[in-house]
């Protein structure tokens, strides 16, 4: 379960949430940068659209959600959307380098 500090007002809670949202955005940006790099190491579209890897990532996200007390269905939906959009980015990178 995730530990949070005890806030004394709604404003304080919103400030904490805003700070977390900034961290999430930064982490998504970092993840996206690595996804773009990954295209350099892939030789086919099938490698970009690696269904087994996607299943593994989603399963791990669900497991982390359960361990942290977060609805695993929420974790799965967030990761499915993130992966879908990042695969689009990776495909663009892959195609732009002339590998297709």
PDB file of N, CA and C in Angstrom:
ATOM      1  N   UNK A   1       0.840  -1.182   0.000  1.00  0.00           N
ATOM      2  CA  UNK A   1       0.000   0.000   0.000  1.00  0.00           C
ATOM      3  C   UNK A   1       0.888   1.250   0.000  1.00  0.00           C
ATOM      4  N   UNK A   2       0.486   2.231  -0.730  1.00  0.00           N
ATOM      5  CA  UNK A   2       1.237   3.478  -0.825  1.00  0.00           C
ATOM      6  C   UNK A   2       0.995   4.315   0.428  1.00  0.00           C
ATOM      7  N   UNK A   3       2.073   4.888   0.943  1.00  0.00           N
ATOM      8  CA  UNK A   3       1.966   5.756   2.114  1.00  0.00           C
ATOM      9  C   UNK A   3       1.855   7.207   1.654  1.00  0.00           C
ATOM     10  N   UNK A   4       0.919   7.927   2.219  1.00  0.00           N
ATOM     11  CA  UNK A   4       0.757   9.354   1.933  1.00  0.00           C
ATOM     12  C   UNK A   4       0.778  10.104   3.255  1.00  0.00           C
ATOM     13  N   UNK A   5       1.064  11.387   3.157  1.00  0.00           N
ATOM     14  CA  UNK A   5       1.052  12.174   4.387  1.00  0.00           C
ATOM     15  C   UNK A   5      -0.368  12.665   4.638  1.00  0.00           C
ATOM     16  N   UNK A   6      -0.654  12.966   5.861  1.00  0.00           N
ATOM     17  CA  UNK A   6      -1.975  13.437   6.259  1.00  0.00           C
ATOM     18  C   UNK A   6      -2.078  14.942   5.993  1.00  0.00           C
ATOM     19  N   UNK A   7      -3.002  15.318   5.128  1.00  0.00           N
ATOM     20  CA  UNK A   7      -3.189  16.723   4.768  1.00  0.00           C
ATOM     21  C   UNK A   7      -4.259  17.355   5.663  1.00  0.00           C
ATOM     22  N   UNK A   8      -4.153  18.659   5.814  1.00  0.00           N
ATOM     23  CA  UNK A   8      -5.061  19.379   6.707  1.00  0.00           C
ATOM     24  C   UNK A   8      -6.144  20.156   5.968  1.00  0.00           C
ATOM     25  N   UNK A   9      -6.079  20.165   4.618  1.00  0.00           N
ATOM     26  CA  UNK A   9      -7.099  20.889   3.859  1.00  0.00           C
ATOM     27  C   UNK A   9      -7.194  20.322   2.449  1.00  0.00           C
ATOM     28  N   UNK A  10      -8.287  20.635   1.793  1.00  0.00           N
ATOM     29  CA  UNK A  10      -8.477  20.228   0.406  1.00  0.00           C
ATOM     30  C   UNK A  10      -7.416  20.885  -0.478  1.00  0.00           C
ATOM     31  N   UNK A  11      -7.081  22.117  -0.202  1.00  0.00           N
ATOM     32  CA  UNK A  11      -6.053  22.825  -0.972  1.00  0.00           C
ATOM     33  C   UNK A  11      -4.709  22.089  -0.873  1.00  0.00           C
ATOM     34  N   UNK A  12      -4.381  21.642   0.319  1.00  0.00           N
ATOM     35  CA  UNK A  12      -3.137  20.908   0.525  1.00  0.00           C
ATOM     36  C   UNK A  12      -3.146  19.593  -0.261  1.00  0.00           C
ATOM     37  N   UNK A  13      -4.280  18.912  -0.242  1.00  0.00           N
ATOM     38  CA  UNK A  13      -4.418  17.665  -1.001  1.00  0.00           C
ATOM     39  C   UNK A  13      -4.234  17.942  -2.486  1.00  0.00           C
ATOM     40  N   UNK A  14      -4.859  19.015  -2.975  1.00  0.00           N
ATOM     41  CA  UNK A  14      -4.740  19.355  -4.399  1.00  0.00           C
ATOM     42  C   UNK A  14      -3.307  19.706  -4.772  1.00  0.00           C
ATOM     43  N   UNK A  15      -2.582  20.348  -3.885  1.00  0.00           N
ATOM     44  CA  UNK A  15      -1.172  20.652  -4.149  1.00  0.00           C
ATOM     45  C   UNK A  15      -0.358  19.363  -4.258  1.00  0.00           C
ATOM     46  N   UNK A  16      -0.644  18.424  -3.395  1.00  0.00           N
ATOM     47  CA  UNK A  16       0.049  17.134  -3.446  1.00  0.00           C
ATOM     48  C   UNK A  16      -0.272  16.407  -4.752  1.00  0.00           C
ATOM     49  N   UNK A  17      -1.540  16.415  -5.136  1.00  0.00           N
ATOM     50  CA  UNK A  17      -1.956  15.766  -6.388  1.00  0.00           C
ATOM     51  C   UNK A  17      -1.287  16.446  -7.578  1.00  0.00           C
ATOM     52  N   UNK A  18      -1.231  17.772  -7.577  1.00  0.00           N
ATOM     53  CA  UNK A  18      -0.574  18.497  -8.670  1.00  0.00           C
ATOM     54  C   UNK A  18       0.900  18.126  -8.763  1.00  0.00           C
ATOM     55  N   UNK A  19       1.558  17.981  -7.628  1.00  0.00           N
ATOM     56  CA  UNK A  19       2.970  17.597  -7.617  1.00  0.00           C
ATOM     57  C   UNK A  19       3.149  16.180  -8.173  1.00  0.00           C
ATOM     58  N   UNK A  20       2.256  15.292  -7.810  1.00  0.00           N
ATOM     59  CA  UNK A  20       2.293  13.921  -8.326  1.00  0.00           C
ATOM     60  C   UNK A  20       2.048  13.924  -9.827  1.00  0.00           C
ATOM     61  N   UNK A  21       1.083  14.726 -10.285  1.00  0.00           N
ATOM     62  CA  UNK A  21       0.795  14.812 -11.720  1.00  0.00           C
ATOM     63  C   UNK A  21       2.015  15.289 -12.501  1.00  0.00           C
ATOM     64  N   UNK A  22       2.769  16.220 -11.940  1.00  0.00           N
ATOM     65  CA  UNK A  22       3.994  16.693 -12.594  1.00  0.00           C
ATOM     66  C   UNK A  22       5.009  15.553 -12.697  1.00  0.00           C
ATOM     67  N   UNK A  23       5.119  14.751 -11.643  1.00  0.00           N
ATOM     68  CA  UNK A  23       6.036  13.607 -11.665  1.00  0.00           C
ATOM     69  C   UNK A  23       5.593  12.575 -12.700  1.00  0.00           C
ATOM     70  N   UNK A  24       4.289  12.333 -12.765  1.00  0.00           N
ATOM     71  CA  UNK A  24       3.755  11.371 -13.739  1.00  0.00           C
ATOM     72  C   UNK A  24       4.084  11.841 -15.157  1.00  0.00           C
ATOM     73  N   UNK A  25       3.870  13.127 -15.431  1.00  0.00           N
ATOM     74  CA  UNK A  25       4.156  13.664 -16.768  1.00  0.00           C
ATOM     75  C   UNK A  25       5.636  13.502 -17.109  1.00  0.00           C
ATOM     76  N   UNK A  26       6.500  13.769 -16.144  1.00  0.00           N
ATOM     77  CA  UNK A  26       7.939  13.616 -16.378  1.00  0.00           C
ATOM     78  C   UNK A  26       8.304  12.155 -16.647  1.00  0.00           C
ATOM     79  N   UNK A  27       7.719  11.252 -15.883  1.00  0.00           N
ATOM     80  CA  UNK A  27       7.998   9.828 -16.086  1.00  0.00           C
ATOM     81  C   UNK A  27       7.472   9.337 -17.430  1.00  0.00           C
ATOM     82  N   UNK A  28       6.304   9.799 -17.840  1.00  0.00           N
ATOM     83  CA  UNK A  28       5.776   9.424 -19.152  1.00  0.00           C
ATOM     84  C   UNK A  28       6.692   9.955 -20.246  1.00  0.00           C
ATOM     85  N   UNK A  29       7.183  11.180 -20.073  1.00  0.00           N
ATOM     86  CA  UNK A  29       8.119  11.734 -21.044  1.00  0.00           C
ATOM     87  C   UNK A  29       9.388  10.898 -21.143  1.00  0.00           C
ATOM     88  N   UNK A  30       9.917  10.476 -20.015  1.00  0.00           N
ATOM     89  CA  UNK A  30      11.111   9.630 -20.010  1.00  0.00           C
ATOM     90  C   UNK A  30      10.837   8.290 -20.680  1.00  0.00           C
ATOM     91  N   UNK A  31       9.706   7.705 -20.353  1.00  0.00           N
ATOM     92  CA  UNK A  31       9.339   6.418 -20.950  1.00  0.00           C
ATOM     93  C   UNK A  31       9.234   6.562 -22.461  1.00  0.00           C
ATOM     94  N   UNK A  32       8.598   7.634 -22.906  1.00  0.00           N
ATOM     95  CA  UNK A  32       8.421   7.878 -24.329  1.00  0.00           C
ATOM     96  C   UNK A  32       9.773   8.036 -25.033  1.00  0.00           C
ATOM     97  N   UNK A  33      10.717   8.703 -24.393  1.00  0.00           N
ATOM     98  CA  UNK A  33      12.046   8.866 -24.979  1.00  0.00           C
ATOM     99  C   UNK A  33      12.738   7.510 -25.160  1.00  0.00           C
ATOM    100  N   UNK A  34      12.584   6.618 -24.195  1.00  0.00           N
ATOM    101  CA  UNK A  34      13.166   5.285 -24.329  1.00  0.00           C
ATOM    102  C   UNK A  34      12.464   4.479 -25.419  1.00  0.00           C
ATOM    103  N   UNK A  35      11.166   4.631 -25.522  1.00  0.00           N
ATOM    104  CA  UNK A  35      10.415   3.945 -26.582  1.00  0.00           C
ATOM    105  C   UNK A  35      10.934   4.396 -27.945  1.00  0.00           C
ATOM    106  N   UNK A  36      11.159   5.683 -28.099  1.00  0.00           N
ATOM    107  CA  UNK A  36      11.674   6.198 -29.379  1.00  0.00           C
ATOM    108  C   UNK A  36      13.051   5.610 -29.678  1.00  0.00           C
ATOM    109  N   UNK A  37      13.880   5.461 -28.653  1.00  0.00           N
ATOM    110  CA  UNK A  37      15.197   4.853 -28.843  1.00  0.00           C
ATOM    111  C   UNK A  37      15.083   3.382 -29.235  1.00  0.00           C
ATOM    112  N   UNK A  38      14.092   2.711 -28.682  1.00  0.00           N
ATOM    113  CA  UNK A  38      13.933   1.276 -28.930  1.00  0.00           C
ATOM    114  C   UNK A  38      13.747   0.978 -30.411  1.00  0.00           C
ATOM    115  N   UNK A  39      13.167   1.902 -31.143  1.00  0.00           N
ATOM    116  CA  UNK A  39      12.933   1.694 -32.572  1.00  0.00           C
ATOM    117  C   UNK A  39      14.246   1.436 -33.319  1.00  0.00           C
ATOM    118  N   UNK A  40      15.341   1.975 -32.805  1.00  0.00           N
ATOM    119  CA  UNK A  40      16.645   1.787 -33.449  1.00  0.00           C
ATOM    120  C   UNK A  40      17.089   0.329 -33.433  1.00  0.00           C
ATOM    121  N   UNK A  41      16.603  -0.427 -32.480  1.00  0.00           N
ATOM    122  CA  UNK A  41      17.055  -1.799 -32.297  1.00  0.00           C
ATOM    123  C   UNK A  41      16.106  -2.836 -32.885  1.00  0.00           C
ATOM    124  N   UNK A  42      15.054  -2.374 -33.519  1.00  0.00           N
ATOM    125  CA  UNK A  42      14.046  -3.280 -34.060  1.00  0.00           C
ATOM    126  C   UNK A  42      14.140  -3.280 -35.576  1.00  0.00           C
ATOM    127  N   UNK A  43      13.933  -4.465 -36.161  1.00  0.00           N
ATOM    128  CA  UNK A  43      14.140  -4.630 -37.595  1.00  0.00           C
ATOM    129  C   UNK A  43      12.848  -4.853 -38.371  1.00  0.00           C
ATOM    130  N   UNK A  44      11.743  -5.141 -37.669  1.00  0.00           N
ATOM    131  CA  UNK A  44      10.469  -5.374 -38.344  1.00  0.00           C
ATOM    132  C   UNK A  44       9.346  -4.689 -37.566  1.00  0.00           C
ATOM    133  N   UNK A  45       8.250  -4.478 -38.244  1.00  0.00           N
ATOM    134  CA  UNK A  45       7.066  -3.908 -37.582  1.00  0.00           C
ATOM    135  C   UNK A  45       6.574  -4.854 -36.490  1.00  0.00           C
ATOM    136  N   UNK A  46       6.711  -6.149 -36.711  1.00  0.00           N
ATOM    137  CA  UNK A  46       6.287  -7.126 -35.704  1.00  0.00           C
ATOM    138  C   UNK A  46       7.071  -6.960 -34.409  1.00  0.00           C
ATOM    139  N   UNK A  47       8.346  -6.606 -34.539  1.00  0.00           N
ATOM    140  CA  UNK A  47       9.144  -6.360 -33.328  1.00  0.00           C
ATOM    141  C   UNK A  47       8.664  -5.111 -32.601  1.00  0.00           C
ATOM    142  N   UNK A  48       8.213  -4.124 -33.361  1.00  0.00           N
ATOM    143  CA  UNK A  48       7.662  -2.915 -32.742  1.00  0.00           C
ATOM    144  C   UNK A  48       6.356  -3.256 -32.033  1.00  0.00           C
ATOM    145  N   UNK A  49       5.517  -4.015 -32.697  1.00  0.00           N
ATOM    146  CA  UNK A  49       4.217  -4.413 -32.125  1.00  0.00           C
ATOM    147  C   UNK A  49       4.369  -5.771 -31.437  1.00  0.00           C
ATOM    148  N   UNK A  50       5.174  -5.831 -30.423  1.00  0.00           N
ATOM    149  CA  UNK A  50       5.494  -7.070 -29.714  1.00  0.00           C
ATOM    150  C   UNK A  50       4.385  -7.381 -28.705  1.00  0.00           C
ATOM    151  N   UNK A  51       3.418  -8.185 -29.148  1.00  0.00           N
ATOM    152  CA  UNK A  51       2.257  -8.500 -28.304  1.00  0.00           C
ATOM    153  C   UNK A  51       2.643  -9.163 -26.989  1.00  0.00           C
ATOM    154  N   UNK A  52       3.643 -10.039 -27.024  1.00  0.00           N
ATOM    155  CA  UNK A  52       4.065 -10.714 -25.793  1.00  0.00           C
ATOM    156  C   UNK A  52       4.623  -9.700 -24.790  1.00  0.00           C
ATOM    157  N   UNK A  53       5.433  -8.779 -25.274  1.00  0.00           N
ATOM    158  CA  UNK A  53       5.984  -7.738 -24.394  1.00  0.00           C
ATOM    159  C   UNK A  53       4.859  -6.885 -23.824  1.00  0.00           C
ATOM    160  N   UNK A  54       3.889  -6.525 -24.664  1.00  0.00           N
ATOM    161  CA  UNK A  54       2.756  -5.713 -24.185  1.00  0.00           C
ATOM    162  C   UNK A  54       1.995  -6.439 -23.087  1.00  0.00           C
ATOM    163  N   UNK A  55       1.752  -7.731 -23.273  1.00  0.00           N
ATOM    164  CA  UNK A  55       1.059  -8.522 -22.240  1.00  0.00           C
ATOM    165  C   UNK A  55       1.851  -8.534 -20.943  1.00  0.00           C
ATOM    166  N   UNK A  56       3.168  -8.713 -21.055  1.00  0.00           N
ATOM    167  CA  UNK A  56       4.019  -8.732 -19.863  1.00  0.00           C
ATOM    168  C   UNK A  56       3.956  -7.392 -19.124  1.00  0.00           C
ATOM    169  N   UNK A  57       4.066  -6.295 -19.860  1.00  0.00           N
ATOM    170  CA  UNK A  57       4.035  -4.967 -19.244  1.00  0.00           C
ATOM    171  C   UNK A  57       2.699  -4.744 -18.548  1.00  0.00           C
ATOM    172  N   UNK A  58       1.612  -5.105 -19.207  1.00  0.00           N
ATOM    173  CA  UNK A  58       0.278  -4.916 -18.620  1.00  0.00           C
ATOM    174  C   UNK A  58       0.094  -5.808 -17.399  1.00  0.00           C
ATOM    175  N   UNK A  59       0.541  -7.054 -17.483  1.00  0.00           N
ATOM    176  CA  UNK A  59       0.424  -7.949 -16.319  1.00  0.00           C
ATOM    177  C   UNK A  59       1.217  -7.422 -15.135  1.00  0.00           C
ATOM    178  N   UNK A  60       2.420  -6.918 -15.394  1.00  0.00           N
ATOM    179  CA  UNK A  60       3.217  -6.346 -14.304  1.00  0.00           C
ATOM    180  C   UNK A  60       2.545  -5.101 -13.729  1.00  0.00           C
ATOM    181  N   UNK A  61       1.935  -4.292 -14.587  1.00  0.00           N
ATOM    182  CA  UNK A  61       1.227  -3.100 -14.103  1.00  0.00           C
ATOM    183  C   UNK A  61       0.065  -3.502 -13.208  1.00  0.00           C
ATOM    184  N   UNK A  62      -0.671  -4.526 -13.599  1.00  0.00           N
ATOM    185  CA  UNK A  62      -1.781  -5.011 -12.771  1.00  0.00           C
ATOM    186  C   UNK A  62      -1.262  -5.498 -11.424  1.00  0.00           C
ATOM    187  N   UNK A  63      -0.171  -6.268 -11.450  1.00  0.00           N
ATOM    188  CA  UNK A  63       0.411  -6.790 -10.204  1.00  0.00           C
ATOM    189  C   UNK A  63       0.875  -5.656  -9.294  1.00  0.00           C
ATOM    190  N   UNK A  64       1.525  -4.641  -9.873  1.00  0.00           N
ATOM    191  CA  UNK A  64       1.961  -3.487  -9.073  1.00  0.00           C
ATOM    192  C   UNK A  64       0.751  -2.759  -8.504  1.00  0.00           C
ATOM    193  N   UNK A  65      -0.296  -2.641  -9.305  1.00  0.00           N
ATOM    194  CA  UNK A  65      -1.514  -1.997  -8.818  1.00  0.00           C
ATOM    195  C   UNK A  65      -2.074  -2.718  -7.604  1.00  0.00           C
ATOM    196  N   UNK A  66      -2.173  -4.012  -7.702  1.00  0.00           N
ATOM    197  CA  UNK A  66      -2.693  -4.812  -6.580  1.00  0.00           C
ATOM    198  C   UNK A  66      -1.820  -4.603  -5.348  1.00  0.00           C
ATOM    199  N   UNK A  67      -0.500  -4.669  -5.533  1.00  0.00           N
ATOM    200  CA  UNK A  67       0.426  -4.513  -4.403  1.00  0.00           C
ATOM    201  C   UNK A  67       0.317  -3.128  -3.767  1.00  0.00           C
ATOM    202  N   UNK A  68      -0.054  -2.128  -4.573  1.00  0.00           N
ATOM    203  CA  UNK A  68      -0.134  -0.757  -4.071  1.00  0.00           C
ATOM    204  C   UNK A  68      -1.547  -0.359  -3.645  1.00  0.00           C
ATOM    205  N   UNK A  69      -2.494  -1.273  -3.758  1.00  0.00           N
ATOM    206  CA  UNK A  69      -3.859  -0.964  -3.376  1.00  0.00           C
ATOM    207  C   UNK A  69      -4.607  -0.156  -4.417  1.00  0.00           C
ATOM    208  N   UNK A  70      -4.158  -0.257  -5.675  1.00  0.00           N
ATOM    209  CA  UNK A  70      -4.804   0.450  -6.788  1.00  0.00           C
ATOM    210  C   UNK A  70      -5.573  -0.576  -7.613  1.00  0.00           C
ATOM    211  N   UNK A  71      -6.750  -0.203  -8.053  1.00  0.00           N
ATOM    212  CA  UNK A  71      -7.575  -1.085  -8.863  1.00  0.00           C
ATOM    213  C   UNK A  71      -6.757  -1.578 -10.063  1.00  0.00           C
ATOM    214  N   UNK A  72      -6.560  -2.889 -10.194  1.00  0.00           N
ATOM    215  CA  UNK A  72      -5.760  -3.407 -11.306  1.00  0.00           C
ATOM    216  C   UNK A  72      -6.373  -3.115 -12.671  1.00  0.00           C
ATOM    217  N   UNK A  73      -7.689  -2.981 -12.732  1.00  0.00           N
ATOM    218  CA  UNK A  73      -8.333  -2.637 -14.003  1.00  0.00           C
ATOM    219  C   UNK A  73      -7.967  -1.220 -14.433  1.00  0.00           C
ATOM    220  N   UNK A  74      -7.849  -0.322 -13.475  1.00  0.00           N
ATOM    221  CA  UNK A  74      -7.410   1.039 -13.777  1.00  0.00           C
ATOM    222  C   UNK A  74      -5.983   0.999 -14.318  1.00  0.00           C
ATOM    223  N   UNK A  75      -5.117   0.267 -13.648  1.00  0.00           N
ATOM    224  CA  UNK A  75      -3.727   0.160 -14.096  1.00  0.00           C
ATOM    225  C   UNK A  75      -3.670  -0.397 -15.515  1.00  0.00           C
ATOM    226  N   UNK A  76      -4.465  -1.423 -15.781  1.00  0.00           N
ATOM    227  CA  UNK A  76      -4.462  -2.029 -17.113  1.00  0.00           C
ATOM    228  C   UNK A  76      -4.926  -1.035 -18.170  1.00  0.00           C
ATOM    229  N   UNK A  77      -6.000  -0.312 -17.898  1.00  0.00           N
ATOM    230  CA  UNK A  77      -6.513   0.648 -18.889  1.00  0.00           C
ATOM    231  C   UNK A  77      -5.510   1.759 -19.156  1.00  0.00           C
ATOM    232  N   UNK A  78      -4.896   2.275 -18.105  1.00  0.00           N
ATOM    233  CA  UNK A  78      -3.898   3.344 -18.265  1.00  0.00           C
ATOM    234  C   UNK A  78      -2.731   2.826 -19.097  1.00  0.00           C
ATOM    235  N   UNK A  79      -2.241   1.649 -18.772  1.00  0.00           N
ATOM    236  CA  UNK A  79      -1.098   1.095 -19.501  1.00  0.00           C
ATOM    237  C   UNK A  79      -1.466   0.733 -20.929  1.00  0.00           C
ATOM    238  N   UNK A  80      -2.648   0.199 -21.161  1.00  0.00           N
ATOM    239  CA  UNK A  80      -3.058  -0.117 -22.541  1.00  0.00           C
ATOM    240  C   UNK A  80      -3.060   1.142 -23.407  1.00  0.00           C
ATOM    241  N   UNK A  81      -3.626   2.215 -22.889  1.00  0.00           N
ATOM    242  CA  UNK A  81      -3.662   3.468 -23.647  1.00  0.00           C
ATOM    243  C   UNK A  81      -2.244   4.006 -23.866  1.00  0.00           C
ATOM    244  N   UNK A  82      -1.441   4.003 -22.814  1.00  0.00           N
ATOM    245  CA  UNK A  82      -0.079   4.506 -22.924  1.00  0.00           C
ATOM    246  C   UNK A  82       0.719   3.687 -23.942  1.00  0.00           C
ATOM    247  N   UNK A  83       0.609   2.379 -23.873  1.00  0.00           N
ATOM    248  CA  UNK A  83       1.331   1.516 -24.806  1.00  0.00           C
ATOM    249  C   UNK A  83       0.851   1.746 -26.230  1.00  0.00           C
ATOM    250  N   UNK A  84      -0.454   1.826 -26.423  1.00  0.00           N
ATOM    251  CA  UNK A  84      -1.015   2.052 -27.761  1.00  0.00           C
ATOM    252  C   UNK A  84      -0.428   3.320 -28.381  1.00  0.00           C
ATOM    253  N   UNK A  85      -0.424   4.400 -27.625  1.00  0.00           N
ATOM    254  CA  UNK A  85       0.071   5.676 -28.140  1.00  0.00           C
ATOM    255  C   UNK A  85       1.583   5.644 -28.340  1.00  0.00           C
ATOM    256  N   UNK A  86       2.292   4.966 -27.459  1.00  0.00           N
ATOM    257  CA  UNK A  86       3.745   4.900 -27.603  1.00  0.00           C
ATOM    258  C   UNK A  86       4.163   3.972 -28.731  1.00  0.00           C
ATOM    259  N   UNK A  87       3.383   2.943 -28.997  1.00  0.00           N
ATOM    260  CA  UNK A  87       3.662   2.096 -30.162  1.00  0.00           C
ATOM    261  C   UNK A  87       3.492   2.923 -31.435  1.00  0.00           C
ATOM    262  N   UNK A  88       2.490   3.791 -31.468  1.00  0.00           N
ATOM    263  CA  UNK A  88       2.324   4.687 -32.617  1.00  0.00           C
ATOM    264  C   UNK A  88       3.572   5.545 -32.801  1.00  0.00           C
ATOM    265  N   UNK A  89       4.093   6.077 -31.698  1.00  0.00           N
ATOM    266  CA  UNK A  89       5.316   6.890 -31.745  1.00  0.00           C
ATOM    267  C   UNK A  89       6.494   6.054 -32.231  1.00  0.00           C
ATOM    268  N   UNK A  90       6.616   4.857 -31.694  1.00  0.00           N
ATOM    269  CA  UNK A  90       7.727   3.991 -32.075  1.00  0.00           C
ATOM    270  C   UNK A  90       7.634   3.591 -33.544  1.00  0.00           C
ATOM    271  N   UNK A  91       6.428   3.317 -34.019  1.00  0.00           N
ATOM    272  CA  UNK A  91       6.247   2.990 -35.435  1.00  0.00           C
ATOM    273  C   UNK A  91       6.671   4.155 -36.315  1.00  0.00           C
ATOM    274  N   UNK A  92       6.319   5.363 -35.919  1.00  0.00           N
ATOM    275  CA  UNK A  92       6.716   6.551 -36.696  1.00  0.00           C
ATOM    276  C   UNK A  92       8.243   6.649 -36.734  1.00  0.00           C
ATOM    277  N   UNK A  93       8.886   6.454 -35.583  1.00  0.00           N
ATOM    278  CA  UNK A  93      10.349   6.490 -35.528  1.00  0.00           C
ATOM    279  C   UNK A  93      10.927   5.413 -36.440  1.00  0.00           C
ATOM    280  N   UNK A  94      10.376   4.222 -36.342  1.00  0.00           N
ATOM    281  CA  UNK A  94      10.824   3.078 -37.127  1.00  0.00           C
ATOM    282  C   UNK A  94      10.701   3.373 -38.622  1.00  0.00           C
ATOM    283  N   UNK A  95       9.562   3.897 -39.023  1.00  0.00           N
ATOM    284  CA  UNK A  95       9.325   4.179 -40.437  1.00  0.00           C
ATOM    285  C   UNK A  95      10.147   5.370 -40.928  1.00  0.00           C
ATOM    286  N   UNK A  96      10.360   6.349 -40.083  1.00  0.00           N
ATOM    287  CA  UNK A  96      11.136   7.533 -40.466  1.00  0.00           C
ATOM    288  C   UNK A  96      12.600   7.217 -40.720  1.00  0.00           C
ATOM    289  N   UNK A  97      13.091   6.185 -40.112  1.00  0.00           N
ATOM    290  CA  UNK A  97      14.506   5.851 -40.336  1.00  0.00           C
ATOM    291  C   UNK A  97      14.677   5.013 -41.599  1.00  0.00           C
ATOM    292  N   UNK A  98      13.549   4.705 -42.275  1.00  0.00           N
ATOM    293  CA  UNK A  98      13.622   4.004 -43.546  1.00  0.00           C
ATOM    294  C   UNK A  98      13.770   2.506 -43.429  1.00  0.00           C
ATOM    295  N   UNK A  99      13.340   1.962 -42.311  1.00  0.00           N
ATOM    296  CA  UNK A  99      13.505   0.515 -42.090  1.00  0.00           C
ATOM    297  C   UNK A  99      12.401  -0.302 -42.720  1.00  0.00           C
ATOM    298  N   UNK A 100      11.358   0.351 -43.204  1.00  0.00           N
ATOM    299  CA  UNK A 100      10.230  -0.412 -43.766  1.00  0.00           C
ATOM    300  C   UNK A 100      10.448  -0.641 -45.228  1.00  0.00           C
TER     301      UNK A 100
END
